[in-house]
Amino acid sequence: MIVFVGASASGKTELAKMLCNKYNYKKCITTTTRPMRPNERQDVDYHFLDKVTFEKMMKDNLFVEVTEYQGNYYGIQKQDVISNGVVIVDPNGANALIKAFADRIYIVFVDSPQELRKKRMLQRGDAVESVENRILKDENIFKKENLLRVNLHLKNENNSLEELALSIHEAYQKFLHDLDKKPSNQ
């Protein structure tokens, strides 16, 4: 599974969509309590739930990982973990997946300059106050050092999304090939 980690508006969502559309990866749909944005669809972009339902599912141990970000819960339900999948998480989520799946996942850290991320958030209609808040919080949360490991550090600044998606796909295929050649530790 390819696991994307990056600050708000770094491009990780668009890259994940491109991998699904162009290279037939499957989106691992995560669950959240944040409000649905106008262009999003239930059970396609996220499983949108209220906090009470989400918390009950946490108590029932239905998630691989859960994190809280900007006052909302995000999590990956065990039933939604798929092979040949792509998922977007924060560093805590990535680290939980590393612990749960060891070397079967591939961590892509997507990095974009702060000003470019700010511009993207404003263009998609995020409130100015929200953008400023996220930029500040993201600086501490989305540091590469907060991850147990990174397989690919991607700079999303000057390349097209197509070029970046191709480089991720090729690097991941090599990773899988190398993983298959590794001797089993059994």
C-alpha atoms as a PDB file:
ATOM      1  CA  MET A   1       0.000   0.000   0.000  1.00  0.00           C
ATOM      2  CA  ILE A   2       1.214   3.505  -0.820  1.00  0.00           C
ATOM      3  CA  VAL A   3       0.831   5.820   2.159  1.00  0.00           C
ATOM      4  CA  PHE A   4       0.870   9.561   1.410  1.00  0.00           C
ATOM      5  CA  VAL A   5       1.878  12.053   4.094  1.00  0.00           C
ATOM      6  CA  GLY A   6       2.052  15.802   3.577  1.00  0.00           C
ATOM      7  CA  ALA A   7       0.817  19.135   4.849  1.00  0.00           C
ATOM      8  CA  SER A   8      -2.497  20.641   3.762  1.00  0.00           C
ATOM      9  CA  ALA A   9      -2.576  21.406   0.018  1.00  0.00           C
ATOM     10  CA  SER A  10       0.787  19.741  -0.643  1.00  0.00           C
ATOM     11  CA  GLY A  11      -0.779  17.848  -3.548  1.00  0.00           C
ATOM     12  CA  LYS A  12      -1.106  14.411  -1.968  1.00  0.00           C
ATOM     13  CA  THR A  13      -4.831  14.053  -2.744  1.00  0.00           C
ATOM     14  CA  GLU A  14      -4.389  14.916  -6.424  1.00  0.00           C
ATOM     15  CA  LEU A  15      -1.424  12.549  -6.694  1.00  0.00           C
ATOM     16  CA  ALA A  16      -3.419   9.742  -5.070  1.00  0.00           C
ATOM     17  CA  LYS A  17      -6.309  10.362  -7.505  1.00  0.00           C
ATOM     18  CA  MET A  18      -3.923  10.286 -10.453  1.00  0.00           C
ATOM     19  CA  LEU A  19      -2.401   6.974  -9.325  1.00  0.00           C
ATOM     20  CA  CYS A  20      -5.905   5.510  -9.099  1.00  0.00           C
ATOM     21  CA  ASN A  21      -7.033   6.858 -12.468  1.00  0.00           C
ATOM     22  CA  LYS A  22      -3.886   6.273 -14.496  1.00  0.00           C
ATOM     23  CA  TYR A  23      -2.227   3.259 -12.846  1.00  0.00           C
ATOM     24  CA  ASN A  24      -5.241   1.392 -11.406  1.00  0.00           C
ATOM     25  CA  TYR A  25      -4.417   1.729  -7.728  1.00  0.00           C
ATOM     26  CA  LYS A  26      -7.416   1.557  -5.406  1.00  0.00           C
ATOM     27  CA  LYS A  27      -8.236   4.283  -2.923  1.00  0.00           C
ATOM     28  CA  CYS A  28      -8.364   3.188   0.692  1.00  0.00           C
ATOM     29  CA  ILE A  29     -11.299   5.288   1.860  1.00  0.00           C
ATOM     30  CA  THR A  30     -10.644   6.779   5.258  1.00  0.00           C
ATOM     31  CA  THR A  31     -13.241   7.851   7.786  1.00  0.00           C
ATOM     32  CA  THR A  32     -13.611  11.355   9.226  1.00  0.00           C
ATOM     33  CA  THR A  33     -15.844  13.540  11.340  1.00  0.00           C
ATOM     34  CA  ARG A  34     -14.953  16.717   9.451  1.00  0.00           C
ATOM     35  CA  PRO A  35     -17.680  18.313   7.326  1.00  0.00           C
ATOM     36  CA  MET A  36     -17.954  17.276   3.692  1.00  0.00           C
ATOM     37  CA  ARG A  37     -16.635  19.867   1.216  1.00  0.00           C
ATOM     38  CA  PRO A  38     -18.906  20.823  -1.723  1.00  0.00           C
ATOM     39  CA  ASN A  39     -16.996  18.690  -4.272  1.00  0.00           C
ATOM     40  CA  GLU A  40     -16.804  15.582  -2.053  1.00  0.00           C
ATOM     41  CA  ARG A  41     -19.015  12.484  -1.997  1.00  0.00           C
ATOM     42  CA  GLN A  42     -19.907  10.141   0.845  1.00  0.00           C
ATOM     43  CA  ASP A  43     -18.081   6.772   0.691  1.00  0.00           C
ATOM     44  CA  VAL A  44     -16.014   7.952  -2.291  1.00  0.00           C
ATOM     45  CA  ASP A  45     -13.796  10.674  -0.839  1.00  0.00           C
ATOM     46  CA  TYR A  46     -14.291   9.705   2.822  1.00  0.00           C
ATOM     47  CA  HIS A  47     -16.725   7.880   5.035  1.00  0.00           C
ATOM     48  CA  PHE A  48     -18.214  10.955   6.749  1.00  0.00           C
ATOM     49  CA  LEU A  49     -19.512  10.192  10.259  1.00  0.00           C
ATOM     50  CA  ASP A  50     -20.640  12.141  13.295  1.00  0.00           C
ATOM     51  CA  LYS A  51     -18.364  12.071  16.355  1.00  0.00           C
ATOM     52  CA  VAL A  52     -20.666   9.813  18.402  1.00  0.00           C
ATOM     53  CA  THR A  53     -20.670   7.096  15.721  1.00  0.00           C
ATOM     54  CA  PHE A  54     -16.918   7.427  15.199  1.00  0.00           C
ATOM     55  CA  GLU A  55     -16.207   7.133  18.935  1.00  0.00           C
ATOM     56  CA  LYS A  56     -18.417   4.026  19.186  1.00  0.00           C
ATOM     57  CA  MET A  57     -16.467   2.438  16.325  1.00  0.00           C
ATOM     58  CA  MET A  58     -13.207   3.292  18.147  1.00  0.00           C
ATOM     59  CA  LYS A  59     -14.496   1.532  21.271  1.00  0.00           C
ATOM     60  CA  ASP A  60     -15.423  -1.467  19.102  1.00  0.00           C
ATOM     61  CA  ASN A  61     -11.797  -1.587  17.803  1.00  0.00           C
ATOM     62  CA  LEU A  62     -12.823  -1.202  14.151  1.00  0.00           C
ATOM     63  CA  PHE A  63      -9.888   1.054  13.176  1.00  0.00           C
ATOM     64  CA  VAL A  64      -6.251   0.291  12.306  1.00  0.00           C
ATOM     65  CA  GLU A  65      -5.382   3.832  13.334  1.00  0.00           C
ATOM     66  CA  VAL A  66      -7.123   6.998  14.478  1.00  0.00           C
ATOM     67  CA  THR A  67      -5.867  10.538  14.760  1.00  0.00           C
ATOM     68  CA  GLU A  68      -7.379  13.887  15.660  1.00  0.00           C
ATOM     69  CA  TYR A  69      -6.587  16.881  13.464  1.00  0.00           C
ATOM     70  CA  GLN A  70      -8.138  20.352  13.562  1.00  0.00           C
ATOM     71  CA  GLY A  71     -10.781  19.113  16.031  1.00  0.00           C
ATOM     72  CA  ASN A  72     -11.926  16.218  13.829  1.00  0.00           C
ATOM     73  CA  TYR A  73     -11.235  12.496  13.908  1.00  0.00           C
ATOM     74  CA  TYR A  74      -9.638  10.671  10.992  1.00  0.00           C
ATOM     75  CA  GLY A  75      -9.138   6.927  10.849  1.00  0.00           C
ATOM     76  CA  ILE A  76      -8.673   3.880   8.677  1.00  0.00           C
ATOM     77  CA  GLN A  77     -11.227   1.167   9.275  1.00  0.00           C
ATOM     78  CA  LYS A  78      -9.774  -2.338   9.230  1.00  0.00           C
ATOM     79  CA  GLN A  79     -12.314  -3.292   6.541  1.00  0.00           C
ATOM     80  CA  ASP A  80     -10.943  -0.538   4.255  1.00  0.00           C
ATOM     81  CA  VAL A  81      -7.276  -1.618   4.191  1.00  0.00           C
ATOM     82  CA  ILE A  82      -6.668  -2.969   0.691  1.00  0.00           C
ATOM     83  CA  SER A  83      -3.711  -4.297  -1.238  1.00  0.00           C
ATOM     84  CA  ASN A  84      -2.574  -2.193  -4.212  1.00  0.00           C
ATOM     85  CA  GLY A  85      -4.152   0.723  -2.363  1.00  0.00           C
ATOM     86  CA  VAL A  86      -3.313   4.333  -1.713  1.00  0.00           C
ATOM     87  CA  VAL A  87      -4.144   6.194   1.457  1.00  0.00           C
ATOM     88  CA  ILE A  88      -3.518   9.675   2.859  1.00  0.00           C
ATOM     89  CA  VAL A  89      -2.688  10.027   6.553  1.00  0.00           C
ATOM     90  CA  ASP A  90      -0.799  12.256   8.978  1.00  0.00           C
ATOM     91  CA  PRO A  91       2.551  11.181  10.494  1.00  0.00           C
ATOM     92  CA  ASN A  92       0.833   9.421  13.412  1.00  0.00           C
ATOM     93  CA  GLY A  93      -1.303   7.440  10.982  1.00  0.00           C
ATOM     94  CA  ALA A  94       1.723   6.547   8.867  1.00  0.00           C
ATOM     95  CA  ASN A  95       3.624   5.387  11.919  1.00  0.00           C
ATOM     96  CA  ALA A  96       0.668   3.255  13.064  1.00  0.00           C
ATOM     97  CA  LEU A  97       0.510   1.654   9.604  1.00  0.00           C
ATOM     98  CA  ILE A  98       4.276   1.027   9.642  1.00  0.00           C
ATOM     99  CA  LYS A  99       3.891  -0.712  13.005  1.00  0.00           C
ATOM    100  CA  ALA A 100       0.884  -2.744  11.793  1.00  0.00           C
ATOM    101  CA  PHE A 101       2.194  -3.717   8.330  1.00  0.00           C
ATOM    102  CA  ALA A 102       5.987  -3.399   8.660  1.00  0.00           C
ATOM    103  CA  ASP A 103       7.689  -3.278   5.257  1.00  0.00           C
ATOM    104  CA  ARG A 104       4.506  -3.974   3.249  1.00  0.00           C
ATOM    105  CA  ILE A 105       3.736  -0.269   2.986  1.00  0.00           C
ATOM    106  CA  TYR A 106       5.490   2.482   1.068  1.00  0.00           C
ATOM    107  CA  ILE A 107       5.666   5.951   2.629  1.00  0.00           C
ATOM    108  CA  VAL A 108       5.605   8.949   0.252  1.00  0.00           C
ATOM    109  CA  PHE A 109       6.293  12.273   1.943  1.00  0.00           C
ATOM    110  CA  VAL A 110       4.886  15.081  -0.251  1.00  0.00           C
ATOM    111  CA  ASP A 111       6.554  18.424   0.317  1.00  0.00           C
ATOM    112  CA  SER A 112       5.441  21.797  -1.128  1.00  0.00           C
ATOM    113  CA  PRO A 113       6.512  25.353  -0.287  1.00  0.00           C
ATOM    114  CA  GLN A 114       4.322  27.116   2.278  1.00  0.00           C
ATOM    115  CA  GLU A 115       3.308  29.961  -0.064  1.00  0.00           C
ATOM    116  CA  LEU A 116       2.224  27.536  -2.788  1.00  0.00           C
ATOM    117  CA  ARG A 117       0.162  25.525  -0.272  1.00  0.00           C
ATOM    118  CA  LYS A 118      -1.450  28.722   1.013  1.00  0.00           C
ATOM    119  CA  LYS A 119      -2.367  29.760  -2.537  1.00  0.00           C
ATOM    120  CA  ARG A 120      -3.902  26.324  -3.266  1.00  0.00           C
ATOM    121  CA  MET A 121      -6.016  26.409  -0.088  1.00  0.00           C
ATOM    122  CA  LEU A 122      -7.353  29.870  -0.898  1.00  0.00           C
ATOM    123  CA  GLN A 123      -8.111  28.812  -4.500  1.00  0.00           C
ATOM    124  CA  ARG A 124     -10.157  25.844  -3.280  1.00  0.00           C
ATOM    125  CA  GLY A 125     -12.225  28.172  -1.116  1.00  0.00           C
ATOM    126  CA  ASP A 126     -10.810  27.617   2.372  1.00  0.00           C
ATOM    127  CA  ALA A 127     -11.398  30.532   4.769  1.00  0.00           C
ATOM    128  CA  VAL A 128      -8.392  32.837   5.257  1.00  0.00           C
ATOM    129  CA  GLU A 129      -8.359  32.273   9.045  1.00  0.00           C
ATOM    130  CA  SER A 130      -8.499  28.509   8.542  1.00  0.00           C
ATOM    131  CA  VAL A 131      -5.639  28.661   6.029  1.00  0.00           C
ATOM    132  CA  GLU A 132      -3.423  30.632   8.424  1.00  0.00           C
ATOM    133  CA  ASN A 133      -4.234  28.189  11.237  1.00  0.00           C
ATOM    134  CA  ARG A 134      -3.456  25.123   9.139  1.00  0.00           C
ATOM    135  CA  ILE A 135      -0.193  26.554   7.810  1.00  0.00           C
ATOM    136  CA  LEU A 136       1.010  27.196  11.377  1.00  0.00           C
ATOM    137  CA  LYS A 137      -0.068  23.813  12.769  1.00  0.00           C
ATOM    138  CA  ASP A 138       1.192  21.885   9.741  1.00  0.00           C
ATOM    139  CA  GLU A 139       4.725  23.216  10.234  1.00  0.00           C
ATOM    140  CA  ASN A 140       5.078  21.141  13.412  1.00  0.00           C
ATOM    141  CA  ILE A 141       2.909  18.155  12.497  1.00  0.00           C
ATOM    142  CA  PHE A 142       4.202  17.443   8.993  1.00  0.00           C
ATOM    143  CA  LYS A 143       7.944  17.315   9.577  1.00  0.00           C
ATOM    144  CA  LYS A 144       9.759  14.459   7.885  1.00  0.00           C
ATOM    145  CA  GLU A 145      11.441  13.724  11.215  1.00  0.00           C
ATOM    146  CA  ASN A 146       8.018  12.828  12.701  1.00  0.00           C
ATOM    147  CA  LEU A 147       7.889   9.706  10.524  1.00  0.00           C
ATOM    148  CA  LEU A 148       9.467   6.382  11.455  1.00  0.00           C
ATOM    149  CA  ARG A 149      10.607   6.125   7.839  1.00  0.00           C
ATOM    150  CA  VAL A 150      10.135   7.692   4.406  1.00  0.00           C
ATOM    151  CA  ASN A 151      10.551   5.630   1.231  1.00  0.00           C
ATOM    152  CA  LEU A 152      10.162   8.565  -1.171  1.00  0.00           C
ATOM    153  CA  HIS A 153      10.514  12.292  -0.374  1.00  0.00           C
ATOM    154  CA  LEU A 154       8.711  14.092  -3.171  1.00  0.00           C
ATOM    155  CA  LYS A 155       9.000  17.824  -3.883  1.00  0.00           C
ATOM    156  CA  ASN A 156       5.726  19.044  -5.428  1.00  0.00           C
ATOM    157  CA  GLU A 157       6.702  22.408  -6.783  1.00  0.00           C
ATOM    158  CA  ASN A 158       7.911  22.543 -10.386  1.00  0.00           C
ATOM    159  CA  ASN A 159       6.945  19.175 -11.891  1.00  0.00           C
ATOM    160  CA  SER A 160       3.568  18.286 -13.349  1.00  0.00           C
ATOM    161  CA  LEU A 161       1.316  15.946 -11.392  1.00  0.00           C
ATOM    162  CA  GLU A 162       1.684  13.442 -14.254  1.00  0.00           C
ATOM    163  CA  GLU A 163       5.482  13.410 -13.871  1.00  0.00           C
ATOM    164  CA  LEU A 164       5.237  13.059 -10.102  1.00  0.00           C
ATOM    165  CA  ALA A 165       2.639  10.266 -10.315  1.00  0.00           C
ATOM    166  CA  LEU A 166       4.812   8.368 -12.790  1.00  0.00           C
ATOM    167  CA  SER A 167       7.849   8.697 -10.512  1.00  0.00           C
ATOM    168  CA  ILE A 168       5.804   7.380  -7.546  1.00  0.00           C
ATOM    169  CA  HIS A 169       4.428   4.482  -9.590  1.00  0.00           C
ATOM    170  CA  GLU A 170       7.868   3.476 -10.886  1.00  0.00           C
ATOM    171  CA  ALA A 171       9.511   3.776  -7.450  1.00  0.00           C
ATOM    172  CA  TYR A 172       6.716   1.740  -5.838  1.00  0.00           C
ATOM    173  CA  GLN A 173       6.921  -0.999  -8.482  1.00  0.00           C
ATOM    174  CA  LYS A 174      10.674  -1.251  -7.858  1.00  0.00           C
ATOM    175  CA  PHE A 175       9.977  -1.380  -4.104  1.00  0.00           C
ATOM    176  CA  LEU A 176       7.524  -4.271  -4.616  1.00  0.00           C
ATOM    177  CA  HIS A 177       9.962  -6.064  -6.916  1.00  0.00           C
ATOM    178  CA  ASP A 178      12.755  -5.721  -4.348  1.00  0.00           C
ATOM    179  CA  LEU A 179      10.415  -6.783  -1.555  1.00  0.00           C
ATOM    180  CA  ASP A 180       9.478  -9.963  -3.433  1.00  0.00           C
ATOM    181  CA  LYS A 181      13.171 -10.839  -3.816  1.00  0.00           C
ATOM    182  CA  LYS A 182      13.827 -10.440  -0.082  1.00  0.00           C
ATOM    183  CA  PRO A 183      14.311 -13.739   1.726  1.00  0.00           C
ATOM    184  CA  SER A 184      11.496 -14.579   4.106  1.00  0.00           C
ATOM    185  CA  ASN A 185      12.299 -14.346   7.821  1.00  0.00           C
ATOM    186  CA  GLN A 186      10.362 -17.467   8.715  1.00  0.00           C
END
